[in-house]
Amino acid sequence: MSTEHLTRRRFIVAVAALSGVAGSALNPGLLPLSQAWAQAPAAVDPAVRSSMVRMARLLYPHAGLADEVYAEVLDRALSDVASGAAFARQLDAASAALAERSTGGWNELDAAGQIEIMRQIESADYFGAIQAAVQAGIYNGAAFWKHVGYPGPSKDFGGYIGRGAGEIDWLPEES
């Protein structure tokens, strides 16, 4: 009869060793196979991606922003481990709904026609989720900040003191 019994500590160590947690803690560059699949970005069909980039531009139109900026916003949302797969399904649903309501393809319509079809699906849950993700991604992104002349959060530059926070050159001179 063995005098060793299974303690809580031994159980936790065994589970950690079997799941690969201990290995990844010792070598954070290597992910266990059980975690690697979960961190792969969700894949979206190129046609879906193209129509969703166009939809993102129509939702938040900025002439100075390239389509790549809108595509990067969608890619960042897709690469989120926790919600990327769900977001991919929402993009698929939105693209299918847009295509279903248009004759000859949604991407081939002019902007007015595309906006009219977008209005038909704007009450759908997937539309709101895509709209929120694009809004957060665009306006919290460095590309948009550069476009509007915003240098970024002041904390990165040592705060507002010494960076013109007290200048009031935009007020008219008193006479």
Protein backbone atom coordinates (compact mmCIF):
# COMPACT_ATOMS: atom_id res chain seq x y z
CA MET A 1 0.00 0.00 0.00
CA SER A 2 1.38 3.40 -0.99
CA THR A 3 1.74 6.03 1.67
CA GLU A 4 1.40 8.82 -0.92
CA HIS A 5 -2.10 10.05 -1.34
CA LEU A 6 -3.49 12.46 -3.87
CA THR A 7 -3.45 15.91 -2.37
CA ARG A 8 -5.06 18.96 -3.84
CA ARG A 9 -1.63 20.37 -4.72
CA ARG A 10 -0.57 17.19 -6.55
CA PHE A 11 -3.86 17.13 -8.41
CA ILE A 12 -3.45 20.75 -9.60
CA VAL A 13 0.15 20.12 -10.67
CA ALA A 14 -0.90 17.01 -12.60
CA VAL A 15 -3.75 18.79 -14.36
CA ALA A 16 -1.48 21.75 -15.22
CA ALA A 17 1.18 19.42 -16.60
CA LEU A 18 -1.32 17.49 -18.71
CA SER A 19 -2.97 20.62 -20.09
CA GLY A 20 0.29 22.28 -21.04
CA VAL A 21 -0.16 25.27 -18.74
CA ALA A 22 3.16 24.63 -17.02
CA GLY A 23 4.96 24.32 -20.35
CA SER A 24 3.57 27.58 -21.67
CA ALA A 25 4.36 29.39 -18.42
CA LEU A 26 7.99 28.27 -18.69
CA ASN A 27 8.16 29.11 -22.39
CA PRO A 28 5.55 31.75 -23.26
CA GLY A 29 6.57 31.77 -26.93
CA LEU A 30 5.25 28.22 -27.37
CA LEU A 31 1.56 27.61 -27.01
CA PRO A 32 0.20 24.19 -26.21
CA LEU A 33 -1.73 22.66 -29.07
CA SER A 34 -4.94 22.94 -27.05
CA GLN A 35 -4.60 26.75 -27.03
CA ALA A 36 -3.08 27.33 -30.47
CA TRP A 37 -6.31 26.64 -32.38
CA ALA A 38 -8.23 29.09 -30.22
CA GLN A 39 -5.83 31.93 -30.98
CA ALA A 40 -6.00 31.63 -34.75
CA PRO A 41 -7.97 34.53 -36.28
CA ALA A 42 -11.38 33.71 -37.64
CA ALA A 43 -11.41 33.34 -41.41
CA VAL A 44 -13.79 35.22 -43.67
CA ASP A 45 -14.42 34.66 -47.36
CA PRO A 46 -12.71 37.36 -49.51
CA ALA A 47 -16.05 38.37 -51.07
CA VAL A 48 -17.56 38.82 -47.61
CA ARG A 49 -14.52 40.80 -46.51
CA SER A 50 -14.78 43.07 -49.55
CA SER A 51 -18.45 43.85 -48.96
CA MET A 52 -17.87 44.42 -45.24
CA VAL A 53 -15.00 46.84 -45.92
CA ARG A 54 -17.35 48.74 -48.22
CA MET A 55 -20.08 48.69 -45.56
CA ALA A 56 -17.61 49.95 -42.94
CA ARG A 57 -16.63 52.84 -45.23
CA LEU A 58 -20.27 53.73 -45.80
CA LEU A 59 -20.98 53.62 -42.07
CA TYR A 60 -18.04 55.90 -41.23
CA PRO A 61 -16.98 57.71 -44.39
CA HIS A 62 -13.66 59.52 -44.28
CA ALA A 63 -12.22 60.41 -47.68
CA GLY A 64 -8.65 60.51 -46.35
CA LEU A 65 -8.71 56.99 -44.94
CA ALA A 66 -7.71 54.13 -47.21
CA ASP A 67 -9.76 50.96 -47.48
CA GLU A 68 -6.86 49.16 -45.77
CA VAL A 69 -7.66 51.04 -42.54
CA TYR A 70 -11.22 49.72 -42.60
CA ALA A 71 -9.94 46.23 -43.45
CA GLU A 72 -7.49 46.35 -40.52
CA VAL A 73 -10.33 47.30 -38.18
CA LEU A 74 -12.29 44.23 -39.29
CA ASP A 75 -9.19 42.03 -39.05
CA ARG A 76 -8.52 43.18 -35.48
CA ALA A 77 -12.09 42.33 -34.51
CA LEU A 78 -11.74 38.92 -36.17
CA SER A 79 -8.46 38.19 -34.41
CA ASP A 80 -9.99 38.60 -30.95
CA VAL A 81 -9.75 35.16 -29.39
CA ALA A 82 -12.93 35.48 -27.35
CA SER A 83 -15.26 36.91 -29.99
CA GLY A 84 -13.58 36.51 -33.40
CA ALA A 85 -15.58 33.48 -34.53
CA ALA A 86 -18.87 35.10 -33.52
CA PHE A 87 -17.88 38.30 -35.34
CA ALA A 88 -17.05 36.25 -38.46
CA ARG A 89 -20.56 34.76 -38.35
CA GLN A 90 -22.03 38.27 -38.04
CA LEU A 91 -20.03 39.43 -41.06
CA ASP A 92 -21.26 36.42 -43.03
CA ALA A 93 -24.86 37.12 -42.03
CA ALA A 94 -24.61 40.79 -42.97
CA SER A 95 -23.00 40.03 -46.31
CA ALA A 96 -25.65 37.43 -47.11
CA ALA A 97 -28.45 39.83 -46.15
CA LEU A 98 -26.99 42.59 -48.32
CA ALA A 99 -26.55 40.24 -51.28
CA GLU A 100 -30.05 38.81 -50.84
CA ARG A 101 -31.65 42.25 -51.03
CA SER A 102 -29.71 43.42 -54.07
CA THR A 103 -29.99 42.33 -57.66
CA GLY A 104 -26.69 41.81 -59.42
CA GLY A 105 -24.57 42.03 -56.29
CA TRP A 106 -24.33 44.55 -53.50
CA ASN A 107 -20.77 45.64 -54.34
CA GLU A 108 -21.84 46.62 -57.87
CA LEU A 109 -24.48 49.09 -56.67
CA ASP A 110 -23.77 52.80 -56.34
CA ALA A 111 -23.35 54.30 -52.86
CA ALA A 112 -26.98 55.45 -52.65
CA GLY A 113 -28.25 51.97 -53.51
CA GLN A 114 -25.90 50.35 -51.00
CA ILE A 115 -27.00 52.71 -48.25
CA GLU A 116 -30.67 52.01 -49.02
CA ILE A 117 -30.09 48.27 -48.63
CA MET A 118 -28.09 48.85 -45.44
CA ARG A 119 -31.10 50.72 -44.03
CA GLN A 120 -33.19 47.60 -44.60
CA ILE A 121 -30.99 45.54 -42.28
CA GLU A 122 -29.97 48.18 -39.75
CA SER A 123 -32.29 46.79 -37.07
CA ALA A 124 -30.62 43.35 -37.17
CA ASP A 125 -28.37 42.38 -34.26
CA TYR A 126 -25.43 41.60 -36.52
CA PHE A 127 -25.62 45.05 -38.08
CA GLY A 128 -25.37 46.75 -34.68
CA ALA A 129 -22.45 44.54 -33.66
CA ILE A 130 -20.55 45.32 -36.85
CA GLN A 131 -21.33 49.01 -36.55
CA ALA A 132 -20.05 49.11 -32.95
CA ALA A 133 -16.87 47.20 -33.80
CA VAL A 134 -16.09 49.45 -36.76
CA GLN A 135 -16.82 52.62 -34.80
CA ALA A 136 -14.54 51.62 -31.95
CA GLY A 137 -11.83 50.40 -34.31
CA ILE A 138 -11.82 53.48 -36.52
CA TYR A 139 -11.95 56.17 -33.88
CA ASN A 140 -9.58 54.44 -31.47
CA GLY A 141 -7.02 53.80 -34.21
CA ALA A 142 -3.78 55.66 -34.87
CA ALA A 143 -4.54 55.94 -38.61
CA PHE A 144 -7.66 58.01 -37.89
CA TRP A 145 -5.83 60.09 -35.29
CA LYS A 146 -3.18 60.93 -37.87
CA HIS A 147 -5.93 61.76 -40.38
CA VAL A 148 -7.50 64.34 -38.05
CA GLY A 149 -4.22 65.62 -36.58
CA TYR A 150 -4.59 64.10 -33.11
CA PRO A 151 -1.14 63.08 -31.80
CA GLY A 152 -2.48 60.39 -29.49
CA PRO A 153 -3.03 60.10 -25.76
CA SER A 154 -1.09 62.72 -23.82
CA LYS A 155 0.23 60.14 -21.38
CA ASP A 156 2.54 58.80 -24.09
CA PHE A 157 4.10 62.25 -24.42
CA GLY A 158 4.42 63.12 -20.73
CA GLY A 159 1.03 64.79 -20.27
CA TYR A 160 -0.43 68.05 -21.49
CA ILE A 161 1.87 70.36 -19.52
CA GLY A 162 4.47 71.75 -21.86
CA ARG A 163 2.50 70.69 -24.94
CA GLY A 164 0.39 73.78 -25.38
CA ALA A 165 -2.47 72.96 -23.03
CA GLY A 166 -2.53 76.52 -21.74
CA GLU A 167 -2.37 78.24 -25.13
CA ILE A 168 -5.54 80.02 -26.10
CA ASP A 169 -4.57 81.19 -29.57
CA TRP A 170 -7.94 80.25 -30.96
CA LEU A 171 -9.74 83.10 -29.13
CA PRO A 172 -10.02 86.46 -30.87
CA GLU A 173 -7.76 89.22 -29.60
CA GLU A 174 -9.41 91.71 -27.26
CA SER A 175 -9.58 95.25 -28.52
